[in-house]
Amino acid sequence: MVCECQWGLTCLFLGGFIILAAGVFSFFPFVLGLLKYDWYIALCYVWFALGVTFFGLGFLYELFCCAPKQRFAKEKRGLASAREAAAGEDDIASAPTPYIMIA
C-alpha cells in the first residue's frame, strides 16, 4: 500500500492544535473583555468543539488499533538475519577498492 497515512495521530495533533487555537482566540472575550460579540463567542465554541471532536476520534482510532499494519506487517521481530559477505577470489573476502583523488 502506497499511502502511509496515520489518521489517528493526524487527528490527535490537528485536534490539539485547533483546541489551542480556540483557547487563544477565546482569551480575548473571556479574559480581556474585548470582542464580546455573540457570533465571535459562538465561533470560539464551535472551533473548540471541532478540536475536541478531532482529538476524540483520533484517540479512539489509536486506542482500538483501527489502523491496519502496512509496511511492517510481515516483519518478524526478534529474528536477526545478516547478509553474507560478498565472496572475492578463491572465496576470500576482499577489501573495497580505495578511492584515489586525481589532482
C-alpha atoms as a PDB file:
ATOM      1  CA  MET A   1       0.000   0.000   0.000  1.00  0.00           C
ATOM      2  CA  VAL A   2       1.498   3.303  -1.059  1.00  0.00           C
ATOM      3  CA  CYS A   3      -0.354   5.613   1.307  1.00  0.00           C
ATOM      4  CA  GLU A   4       1.175   5.552   4.779  1.00  0.00           C
ATOM      5  CA  CYS A   5      -1.442   7.867   6.297  1.00  0.00           C
ATOM      6  CA  GLN A   6      -1.597   7.957  10.067  1.00  0.00           C
ATOM      7  CA  TRP A   7      -5.198   9.003  10.647  1.00  0.00           C
ATOM      8  CA  GLY A   8      -5.123   8.558  14.404  1.00  0.00           C
ATOM      9  CA  LEU A   9      -2.020  10.641  15.027  1.00  0.00           C
ATOM     10  CA  THR A  10      -3.080  13.223  12.476  1.00  0.00           C
ATOM     11  CA  CYS A  11      -6.435  13.689  14.184  1.00  0.00           C
ATOM     12  CA  LEU A  12      -4.776  13.866  17.605  1.00  0.00           C
ATOM     13  CA  PHE A  13      -2.318  16.578  16.579  1.00  0.00           C
ATOM     14  CA  LEU A  14      -4.839  18.508  14.474  1.00  0.00           C
ATOM     15  CA  GLY A  15      -7.423  18.385  17.262  1.00  0.00           C
ATOM     16  CA  GLY A  16      -4.881  19.541  19.826  1.00  0.00           C
ATOM     17  CA  PHE A  17      -3.814  22.404  17.584  1.00  0.00           C
ATOM     18  CA  ILE A  18      -7.416  23.512  16.999  1.00  0.00           C
ATOM     19  CA  ILE A  19      -8.127  23.356  20.753  1.00  0.00           C
ATOM     20  CA  LEU A  20      -5.093  25.526  21.473  1.00  0.00           C
ATOM     21  CA  ALA A  21      -6.048  27.992  18.736  1.00  0.00           C
ATOM     22  CA  ALA A  22      -9.626  28.194  20.056  1.00  0.00           C
ATOM     23  CA  GLY A  23      -8.211  28.853  23.518  1.00  0.00           C
ATOM     24  CA  VAL A  24      -6.053  31.685  22.217  1.00  0.00           C
ATOM     25  CA  PHE A  25      -8.972  33.292  20.395  1.00  0.00           C
ATOM     26  CA  SER A  26     -11.215  32.781  23.435  1.00  0.00           C
ATOM     27  CA  PHE A  27      -8.702  34.621  25.601  1.00  0.00           C
ATOM     28  CA  PHE A  28      -9.793  37.979  24.202  1.00  0.00           C
ATOM     29  CA  PRO A  29     -13.510  37.962  25.083  1.00  0.00           C
ATOM     30  CA  PHE A  30     -13.317  35.908  28.282  1.00  0.00           C
ATOM     31  CA  VAL A  31     -10.192  37.295  29.955  1.00  0.00           C
ATOM     32  CA  LEU A  32      -9.552  40.719  28.418  1.00  0.00           C
ATOM     33  CA  GLY A  33     -13.182  41.637  27.795  1.00  0.00           C
ATOM     34  CA  LEU A  34     -12.505  42.526  24.173  1.00  0.00           C
ATOM     35  CA  LEU A  35     -14.504  41.320  21.159  1.00  0.00           C
ATOM     36  CA  LYS A  36     -17.591  40.424  23.187  1.00  0.00           C
ATOM     37  CA  TYR A  37     -19.751  39.724  20.164  1.00  0.00           C
ATOM     38  CA  ASP A  38     -22.201  36.849  20.286  1.00  0.00           C
ATOM     39  CA  TRP A  39     -21.125  35.492  16.906  1.00  0.00           C
ATOM     40  CA  TYR A  40     -17.441  35.637  17.916  1.00  0.00           C
ATOM     41  CA  ILE A  41     -18.045  33.717  21.131  1.00  0.00           C
ATOM     42  CA  ALA A  42     -20.190  31.188  19.261  1.00  0.00           C
ATOM     43  CA  LEU A  43     -17.358  30.648  16.755  1.00  0.00           C
ATOM     44  CA  CYS A  44     -14.915  30.094  19.634  1.00  0.00           C
ATOM     45  CA  TYR A  45     -17.210  27.378  20.990  1.00  0.00           C
ATOM     46  CA  VAL A  46     -17.635  25.810  17.540  1.00  0.00           C
ATOM     47  CA  TRP A  47     -13.870  25.673  16.920  1.00  0.00           C
ATOM     48  CA  PHE A  48     -13.304  24.224  20.387  1.00  0.00           C
ATOM     49  CA  ALA A  49     -15.959  21.552  19.752  1.00  0.00           C
ATOM     50  CA  LEU A  50     -14.374  20.745  16.379  1.00  0.00           C
ATOM     51  CA  GLY A  51     -10.969  20.339  18.054  1.00  0.00           C
ATOM     52  CA  VAL A  52     -12.396  18.099  20.766  1.00  0.00           C
ATOM     53  CA  THR A  53     -14.133  16.013  18.094  1.00  0.00           C
ATOM     54  CA  PHE A  54     -10.941  15.548  16.088  1.00  0.00           C
ATOM     55  CA  PHE A  55      -8.931  14.799  19.223  1.00  0.00           C
ATOM     56  CA  GLY A  56     -11.502  12.297  20.491  1.00  0.00           C
ATOM     57  CA  LEU A  57     -11.793  10.496  17.154  1.00  0.00           C
ATOM     58  CA  GLY A  58      -8.011  10.300  16.835  1.00  0.00           C
ATOM     59  CA  PHE A  59      -7.738   8.943  20.367  1.00  0.00           C
ATOM     60  CA  LEU A  60     -10.387   6.297  19.721  1.00  0.00           C
ATOM     61  CA  TYR A  61      -8.784   5.387  16.397  1.00  0.00           C
ATOM     62  CA  GLU A  62      -5.420   4.822  18.071  1.00  0.00           C
ATOM     63  CA  LEU A  63      -6.933   3.137  21.128  1.00  0.00           C
ATOM     64  CA  PHE A  64      -8.798   0.467  19.199  1.00  0.00           C
ATOM     65  CA  CYS A  65      -5.987  -0.056  16.678  1.00  0.00           C
ATOM     66  CA  CYS A  66      -8.136   0.639  13.646  1.00  0.00           C
ATOM     67  CA  ALA A  67      -5.053   1.380  11.583  1.00  0.00           C
ATOM     68  CA  PRO A  68      -4.031  -1.639   9.507  1.00  0.00           C
ATOM     69  CA  LYS A  69      -0.443  -2.753   9.606  1.00  0.00           C
ATOM     70  CA  GLN A  70       1.046  -1.528   6.404  1.00  0.00           C
ATOM     71  CA  ARG A  71       4.717  -1.514   5.671  1.00  0.00           C
ATOM     72  CA  PHE A  72       5.911  -3.726   8.517  1.00  0.00           C
ATOM     73  CA  ALA A  73       3.066  -6.239   8.510  1.00  0.00           C
ATOM     74  CA  LYS A  74       5.274  -9.179   7.519  1.00  0.00           C
ATOM     75  CA  GLU A  75       8.214  -8.223   9.711  1.00  0.00           C
ATOM     76  CA  LYS A  76       9.379 -10.895  12.121  1.00  0.00           C
ATOM     77  CA  ARG A  77      10.611  -9.263  15.300  1.00  0.00           C
ATOM     78  CA  GLY A  78      13.346 -10.953  17.281  1.00  0.00           C
ATOM     79  CA  LEU A  79      14.911 -12.926  14.445  1.00  0.00           C
ATOM     80  CA  ALA A  80      18.211 -11.439  13.348  1.00  0.00           C
ATOM     81  CA  SER A  81      19.327 -12.092   9.843  1.00  0.00           C
ATOM     82  CA  ALA A  82      22.620 -10.975   8.378  1.00  0.00           C
ATOM     83  CA  ARG A  83      23.759 -10.806   4.809  1.00  0.00           C
ATOM     84  CA  GLU A  84      26.708 -12.903   3.845  1.00  0.00           C
ATOM     85  CA  ALA A  85      29.861 -11.095   2.809  1.00  0.00           C
ATOM     86  CA  ALA A  86      30.459 -10.895  -0.909  1.00  0.00           C
ATOM     87  CA  ALA A  87      32.968 -13.518  -1.921  1.00  0.00           C
ATOM     88  CA  GLY A  88      36.149 -12.382  -3.650  1.00  0.00           C
ATOM     89  CA  GLU A  89      38.666 -14.541  -5.486  1.00  0.00           C
ATOM     90  CA  ASP A  90      39.105 -18.023  -4.052  1.00  0.00           C
ATOM     91  CA  ASP A  91      36.312 -17.367  -1.551  1.00  0.00           C
ATOM     92  CA  ILE A  92      38.427 -14.822   0.300  1.00  0.00           C
ATOM     93  CA  ALA A  93      36.688 -11.588   1.171  1.00  0.00           C
ATOM     94  CA  SER A  94      38.409  -8.633  -0.411  1.00  0.00           C
ATOM     95  CA  ALA A  95      38.507  -5.041   0.763  1.00  0.00           C
ATOM     96  CA  PRO A  96      36.858  -2.406  -1.388  1.00  0.00           C
ATOM     97  CA  THR A  97      39.000  -0.570  -3.886  1.00  0.00           C
ATOM     98  CA  PRO A  98      40.366   2.623  -2.301  1.00  0.00           C
ATOM     99  CA  TYR A  99      39.388   5.933  -3.873  1.00  0.00           C
ATOM    100  CA  ILE A 100      42.275   7.909  -5.310  1.00  0.00           C
ATOM    101  CA  MET A 101      41.763  11.620  -5.800  1.00  0.00           C
ATOM    102  CA  ILE A 102      43.214  12.936  -9.028  1.00  0.00           C
ATOM    103  CA  ALA A 103      44.537  16.458  -8.693  1.00  0.00           C
END
